[in-house]
């Protein structure tokens, strides 16, 4: 069974990992962050079918679109971790590797595919 979450789920995680007064910078970006993991097919071609790929959308979108005024990396990785955990694929956080991934996403060195690959590897 595939886990689908909504904006409220993301906001609950945001409250738990960032100061309570961290404002939302872009409501459209927040909506995209919450909804992107749901898309399964484009022109008949499947994508985002694996749990790590769906989880990766949260971190990737948080860092690329920056829906919050701050703490986008913390919120994004917490959403990815929680999504994997709730989907039965928990992973251990290696803070050095997470910091490198965040930097690589921000600098366009890591795309969504690479992010999903790392999450899959960390869960193995």
N, C-alpha and C. Protein backbone atom coordinates (compact mmCIF):
# COMPACT_ATOMS: atom_id res chain seq x y z
N UNK A 1 0.84 -1.19 0.00
CA UNK A 1 0.00 0.00 0.00
C UNK A 1 0.88 1.25 0.00
N UNK A 2 0.53 2.20 -0.82
CA UNK A 2 1.29 3.43 -0.94
C UNK A 2 0.76 4.45 0.07
N UNK A 3 1.68 5.11 0.75
CA UNK A 3 1.34 6.14 1.72
C UNK A 3 1.25 7.48 1.00
N UNK A 4 0.12 8.15 1.15
CA UNK A 4 -0.03 9.50 0.63
C UNK A 4 -0.28 10.44 1.79
N UNK A 5 0.40 11.57 1.77
CA UNK A 5 0.27 12.55 2.85
C UNK A 5 -0.14 13.88 2.24
N UNK A 6 -0.45 14.83 3.11
CA UNK A 6 -0.90 16.13 2.63
C UNK A 6 -0.11 17.26 3.28
N UNK A 7 -0.51 18.48 3.00
CA UNK A 7 0.19 19.65 3.52
C UNK A 7 0.19 19.67 5.04
N UNK A 8 -0.90 19.25 5.67
CA UNK A 8 -0.95 19.20 7.13
C UNK A 8 0.11 18.29 7.71
N UNK A 9 0.40 17.19 7.05
CA UNK A 9 1.44 16.26 7.47
C UNK A 9 2.80 16.96 7.46
N UNK A 10 3.07 17.69 6.37
CA UNK A 10 4.33 18.44 6.27
C UNK A 10 4.40 19.49 7.37
N UNK A 11 3.31 20.20 7.60
CA UNK A 11 3.30 21.25 8.62
C UNK A 11 3.48 20.68 10.02
N UNK A 12 2.95 19.49 10.29
CA UNK A 12 3.18 18.85 11.59
C UNK A 12 4.66 18.55 11.80
N UNK A 13 5.31 18.09 10.76
CA UNK A 13 6.75 17.83 10.85
C UNK A 13 7.50 19.14 11.01
N UNK A 14 7.10 20.16 10.29
CA UNK A 14 7.75 21.48 10.40
C UNK A 14 7.70 21.98 11.84
N UNK A 15 6.58 21.82 12.52
CA UNK A 15 6.44 22.26 13.90
C UNK A 15 7.40 21.50 14.82
N UNK A 16 7.63 20.22 14.50
CA UNK A 16 8.49 19.39 15.34
C UNK A 16 9.98 19.63 15.14
N UNK A 17 10.40 20.14 14.00
CA UNK A 17 11.84 20.26 13.72
C UNK A 17 12.35 21.68 13.54
N UNK A 18 11.48 22.65 13.62
CA UNK A 18 11.93 24.04 13.46
C UNK A 18 11.23 24.91 14.51
N UNK A 19 11.76 26.10 14.74
CA UNK A 19 11.08 26.99 15.68
C UNK A 19 9.63 27.21 15.27
N UNK A 20 8.77 27.34 16.25
CA UNK A 20 7.34 27.42 15.98
C UNK A 20 6.94 28.61 15.12
N UNK A 21 7.75 29.62 15.08
CA UNK A 21 7.39 30.81 14.31
C UNK A 21 8.07 30.86 12.95
N UNK A 22 8.53 29.72 12.43
CA UNK A 22 9.14 29.71 11.10
C UNK A 22 8.03 29.91 10.08
N UNK A 23 8.00 31.08 9.44
CA UNK A 23 6.90 31.36 8.52
C UNK A 23 7.02 30.60 7.20
N UNK A 24 5.88 30.41 6.59
CA UNK A 24 5.83 29.84 5.25
C UNK A 24 6.15 30.98 4.29
N UNK A 25 7.13 30.78 3.45
CA UNK A 25 7.58 31.79 2.49
C UNK A 25 6.76 31.74 1.21
N UNK A 26 6.35 30.50 0.82
CA UNK A 26 5.66 30.32 -0.46
C UNK A 26 4.66 29.18 -0.32
N UNK A 27 3.38 29.52 -0.25
CA UNK A 27 2.34 28.51 -0.08
C UNK A 27 2.26 27.57 -1.27
N UNK A 28 2.51 28.07 -2.47
CA UNK A 28 2.51 27.23 -3.66
C UNK A 28 3.61 26.18 -3.60
N UNK A 29 4.79 26.59 -3.14
CA UNK A 29 5.91 25.66 -2.99
C UNK A 29 5.59 24.62 -1.92
N UNK A 30 4.93 25.03 -0.85
CA UNK A 30 4.53 24.09 0.20
C UNK A 30 3.55 23.06 -0.37
N UNK A 31 2.59 23.54 -1.15
CA UNK A 31 1.63 22.62 -1.77
C UNK A 31 2.36 21.64 -2.69
N UNK A 32 3.30 22.13 -3.47
CA UNK A 32 4.07 21.26 -4.36
C UNK A 32 4.87 20.24 -3.55
N UNK A 33 5.47 20.68 -2.44
CA UNK A 33 6.24 19.77 -1.59
C UNK A 33 5.36 18.64 -1.09
N UNK A 34 4.13 18.95 -0.72
CA UNK A 34 3.23 17.94 -0.19
C UNK A 34 2.66 17.03 -1.28
N UNK A 35 2.44 17.56 -2.47
CA UNK A 35 1.74 16.81 -3.51
C UNK A 35 2.65 16.09 -4.50
N UNK A 36 3.89 16.51 -4.60
CA UNK A 36 4.76 15.97 -5.66
C UNK A 36 4.92 14.45 -5.57
N UNK A 37 4.94 13.90 -4.37
CA UNK A 37 5.16 12.46 -4.22
C UNK A 37 4.01 11.61 -4.78
N UNK A 38 2.87 12.23 -5.04
CA UNK A 38 1.70 11.49 -5.51
C UNK A 38 1.75 11.14 -7.00
N UNK A 39 2.49 11.88 -7.80
CA UNK A 39 2.45 11.69 -9.24
C UNK A 39 3.16 10.40 -9.63
N UNK A 40 2.46 9.54 -10.36
CA UNK A 40 2.98 8.23 -10.69
C UNK A 40 3.24 8.03 -12.17
N UNK A 41 2.61 8.79 -13.02
CA UNK A 41 2.80 8.56 -14.45
C UNK A 41 2.77 9.88 -15.21
N UNK A 42 3.66 9.96 -16.19
CA UNK A 42 3.66 11.06 -17.14
C UNK A 42 3.72 10.43 -18.52
N UNK A 43 2.78 10.75 -19.36
CA UNK A 43 2.73 10.19 -20.71
C UNK A 43 2.84 8.67 -20.68
N UNK A 44 2.21 8.06 -19.67
CA UNK A 44 2.19 6.61 -19.59
C UNK A 44 3.44 5.98 -18.99
N UNK A 45 4.46 6.78 -18.69
CA UNK A 45 5.70 6.25 -18.13
C UNK A 45 5.67 6.38 -16.61
N UNK A 46 5.92 5.27 -15.89
CA UNK A 46 5.89 5.33 -14.43
C UNK A 46 7.11 6.04 -13.84
N UNK A 47 6.89 6.76 -12.76
CA UNK A 47 7.97 7.32 -11.95
C UNK A 47 7.43 7.55 -10.55
N UNK A 48 8.33 7.75 -9.61
CA UNK A 48 8.00 7.91 -8.19
C UNK A 48 7.26 6.69 -7.65
N UNK A 49 7.50 5.51 -8.20
CA UNK A 49 6.79 4.33 -7.74
C UNK A 49 7.41 3.72 -6.50
N UNK A 50 8.71 3.88 -6.32
CA UNK A 50 9.37 3.32 -5.15
C UNK A 50 9.27 4.26 -3.96
N UNK A 51 9.24 3.69 -2.78
CA UNK A 51 9.16 4.49 -1.55
C UNK A 51 10.31 5.50 -1.46
N UNK A 52 11.57 5.11 -1.72
CA UNK A 52 12.64 6.10 -1.63
C UNK A 52 12.47 7.26 -2.63
N UNK A 53 11.93 6.98 -3.80
CA UNK A 53 11.71 8.06 -4.78
C UNK A 53 10.63 9.01 -4.28
N UNK A 54 9.56 8.47 -3.70
CA UNK A 54 8.51 9.33 -3.15
C UNK A 54 9.07 10.16 -1.99
N UNK A 55 9.83 9.51 -1.11
CA UNK A 55 10.41 10.22 0.04
C UNK A 55 11.38 11.31 -0.42
N UNK A 56 12.14 11.02 -1.46
CA UNK A 56 13.12 11.98 -1.96
C UNK A 56 12.47 13.27 -2.44
N UNK A 57 11.22 13.18 -2.90
CA UNK A 57 10.55 14.38 -3.40
C UNK A 57 10.42 15.44 -2.32
N UNK A 58 10.25 15.02 -1.07
CA UNK A 58 10.10 16.00 0.02
C UNK A 58 11.37 16.81 0.22
N UNK A 59 12.50 16.12 0.33
CA UNK A 59 13.77 16.82 0.53
C UNK A 59 14.14 17.64 -0.69
N UNK A 60 14.04 17.05 -1.86
CA UNK A 60 14.42 17.74 -3.08
C UNK A 60 13.58 19.00 -3.29
N UNK A 61 12.27 18.89 -3.10
CA UNK A 61 11.39 20.03 -3.31
C UNK A 61 11.62 21.11 -2.25
N UNK A 62 11.83 20.69 -1.00
CA UNK A 62 12.08 21.67 0.07
C UNK A 62 13.31 22.50 -0.23
N UNK A 63 14.34 21.85 -0.75
CA UNK A 63 15.60 22.56 -1.02
C UNK A 63 15.55 23.37 -2.31
N UNK A 64 14.84 22.90 -3.30
CA UNK A 64 14.80 23.62 -4.58
C UNK A 64 13.79 24.77 -4.56
N UNK A 65 12.63 24.56 -3.94
CA UNK A 65 11.58 25.59 -3.97
C UNK A 65 11.52 26.44 -2.70
N UNK A 66 12.12 25.99 -1.62
CA UNK A 66 12.19 26.69 -0.34
C UNK A 66 10.84 27.24 0.12
N UNK A 67 9.91 26.36 0.48
CA UNK A 67 8.59 26.82 0.91
C UNK A 67 8.61 27.57 2.23
N UNK A 68 9.61 27.33 3.07
CA UNK A 68 9.69 27.98 4.38
C UNK A 68 10.76 29.08 4.36
N UNK A 69 10.63 30.05 5.24
CA UNK A 69 11.61 31.14 5.28
C UNK A 69 12.98 30.65 5.73
N UNK A 70 13.03 29.52 6.44
CA UNK A 70 14.28 28.95 6.91
C UNK A 70 14.03 27.48 7.27
N UNK A 71 15.06 26.74 7.56
CA UNK A 71 14.97 25.34 8.00
C UNK A 71 14.44 24.40 6.93
N UNK A 72 14.55 24.77 5.65
CA UNK A 72 14.05 23.91 4.59
C UNK A 72 14.77 22.57 4.55
N UNK A 73 16.07 22.56 4.81
CA UNK A 73 16.81 21.30 4.81
C UNK A 73 16.35 20.40 5.96
N UNK A 74 16.21 20.96 7.14
CA UNK A 74 15.78 20.17 8.30
C UNK A 74 14.38 19.62 8.10
N UNK A 75 13.49 20.44 7.60
CA UNK A 75 12.12 20.01 7.37
C UNK A 75 12.08 18.97 6.25
N UNK A 76 12.82 19.20 5.19
CA UNK A 76 12.83 18.26 4.07
C UNK A 76 13.37 16.89 4.45
N UNK A 77 14.48 16.85 5.18
CA UNK A 77 15.04 15.55 5.57
C UNK A 77 14.14 14.87 6.59
N UNK A 78 13.52 15.65 7.47
CA UNK A 78 12.59 15.06 8.45
C UNK A 78 11.37 14.46 7.74
N UNK A 79 10.88 15.13 6.71
CA UNK A 79 9.76 14.58 5.94
C UNK A 79 10.17 13.30 5.22
N UNK A 80 11.35 13.30 4.61
CA UNK A 80 11.83 12.10 3.92
C UNK A 80 11.99 10.95 4.90
N UNK A 81 12.59 11.24 6.05
CA UNK A 81 12.80 10.19 7.06
C UNK A 81 11.46 9.65 7.55
N UNK A 82 10.52 10.55 7.88
CA UNK A 82 9.22 10.12 8.39
C UNK A 82 8.44 9.33 7.34
N UNK A 83 8.51 9.75 6.08
CA UNK A 83 7.83 9.03 5.02
C UNK A 83 8.38 7.62 4.89
N UNK A 84 9.70 7.50 4.91
CA UNK A 84 10.33 6.17 4.82
C UNK A 84 9.96 5.33 6.04
N UNK A 85 9.98 5.93 7.21
CA UNK A 85 9.64 5.23 8.45
C UNK A 85 8.21 4.71 8.39
N UNK A 86 7.26 5.58 8.04
CA UNK A 86 5.86 5.19 7.99
C UNK A 86 5.57 4.18 6.88
N UNK A 87 6.44 4.12 5.88
CA UNK A 87 6.28 3.18 4.77
C UNK A 87 7.00 1.86 5.02
N UNK A 88 7.61 1.71 6.19
CA UNK A 88 8.28 0.47 6.52
C UNK A 88 9.70 0.33 6.00
N UNK A 89 10.33 1.45 5.62
CA UNK A 89 11.72 1.44 5.14
C UNK A 89 12.54 2.46 5.92
N UNK A 90 12.67 2.30 7.23
CA UNK A 90 13.43 3.29 8.01
C UNK A 90 14.89 3.31 7.59
N UNK A 91 15.53 4.46 7.76
CA UNK A 91 16.95 4.56 7.48
C UNK A 91 17.65 5.29 8.61
N UNK A 92 18.92 5.00 8.74
CA UNK A 92 19.75 5.67 9.74
C UNK A 92 20.27 6.97 9.13
N UNK A 93 20.21 8.02 9.91
CA UNK A 93 20.73 9.31 9.44
C UNK A 93 22.23 9.40 9.72
N UNK A 94 22.99 9.52 8.67
CA UNK A 94 24.40 9.82 8.78
C UNK A 94 24.54 11.31 8.52
N UNK A 95 24.74 12.08 9.58
CA UNK A 95 24.67 13.54 9.44
C UNK A 95 25.67 14.09 8.43
N UNK A 96 26.84 13.50 8.34
CA UNK A 96 27.81 13.95 7.34
C UNK A 96 27.31 13.71 5.93
N UNK A 97 26.73 12.52 5.71
CA UNK A 97 26.20 12.21 4.38
C UNK A 97 24.98 13.05 4.05
N UNK A 98 24.13 13.29 5.05
CA UNK A 98 22.95 14.14 4.83
C UNK A 98 23.40 15.56 4.49
N UNK A 99 24.37 16.09 5.22
CA UNK A 99 24.87 17.44 4.94
C UNK A 99 25.44 17.53 3.53
N UNK A 100 26.16 16.49 3.09
CA UNK A 100 26.70 16.48 1.73
C UNK A 100 25.57 16.43 0.72
N UNK A 101 24.56 15.59 0.96
CA UNK A 101 23.43 15.52 0.04
C UNK A 101 22.72 16.86 -0.07
N UNK A 102 22.48 17.51 1.07
CA UNK A 102 21.83 18.82 1.05
C UNK A 102 22.64 19.81 0.21
N UNK A 103 23.95 19.84 0.43
CA UNK A 103 24.80 20.74 -0.35
C UNK A 103 24.77 20.38 -1.83
N UNK A 104 24.77 19.08 -2.14
CA UNK A 104 24.74 18.66 -3.54
C UNK A 104 23.43 19.00 -4.23
N UNK A 105 22.31 18.88 -3.52
CA UNK A 105 21.02 19.27 -4.10
C UNK A 105 21.00 20.77 -4.36
N UNK A 106 21.47 21.53 -3.39
CA UNK A 106 21.47 22.99 -3.54
C UNK A 106 22.35 23.45 -4.69
N UNK A 107 23.42 22.72 -4.96
CA UNK A 107 24.35 23.12 -6.03
C UNK A 107 24.06 22.41 -7.36
N UNK A 108 22.95 21.70 -7.45
CA UNK A 108 22.55 20.95 -8.64
C UNK A 108 23.48 19.77 -8.94
N UNK A 109 24.24 19.33 -7.97
CA UNK A 109 25.09 18.15 -8.15
C UNK A 109 24.29 16.86 -7.94
N UNK A 110 23.21 16.92 -7.18
CA UNK A 110 22.36 15.75 -6.93
C UNK A 110 20.94 16.08 -7.36
N UNK A 111 20.40 15.23 -8.22
CA UNK A 111 19.02 15.41 -8.65
C UNK A 111 18.12 14.48 -7.84
N UNK A 112 16.86 14.39 -8.23
CA UNK A 112 15.91 13.56 -7.51
C UNK A 112 16.31 12.08 -7.56
N UNK A 113 16.81 11.63 -8.69
CA UNK A 113 17.22 10.23 -8.83
C UNK A 113 18.35 9.89 -7.87
N UNK A 114 19.34 10.75 -7.77
CA UNK A 114 20.46 10.53 -6.85
C UNK A 114 19.99 10.58 -5.40
N UNK A 115 19.10 11.49 -5.09
CA UNK A 115 18.55 11.59 -3.74
C UNK A 115 17.83 10.30 -3.36
N UNK A 116 17.01 9.80 -4.26
CA UNK A 116 16.30 8.54 -4.01
C UNK A 116 17.27 7.37 -3.87
N UNK A 117 18.31 7.34 -4.68
CA UNK A 117 19.30 6.27 -4.59
C UNK A 117 19.96 6.25 -3.21
N UNK A 118 20.33 7.43 -2.72
CA UNK A 118 20.96 7.51 -1.41
C UNK A 118 20.00 7.07 -0.30
N UNK A 119 18.75 7.51 -0.36
CA UNK A 119 17.77 7.08 0.64
C UNK A 119 17.61 5.56 0.61
N UNK A 120 17.56 4.99 -0.57
CA UNK A 120 17.45 3.53 -0.72
C UNK A 120 18.67 2.85 -0.10
N UNK A 121 19.86 3.37 -0.39
CA UNK A 121 21.10 2.81 0.17
C UNK A 121 21.12 2.92 1.69
N UNK A 122 20.69 4.05 2.22
CA UNK A 122 20.71 4.26 3.67
C UNK A 122 19.72 3.34 4.38
N UNK A 123 18.66 2.94 3.69
CA UNK A 123 17.66 2.06 4.30
C UNK A 123 18.07 0.59 4.22
N UNK A 124 19.04 0.29 3.38
CA UNK A 124 19.45 -1.11 3.19
C UNK A 124 20.21 -1.66 4.41
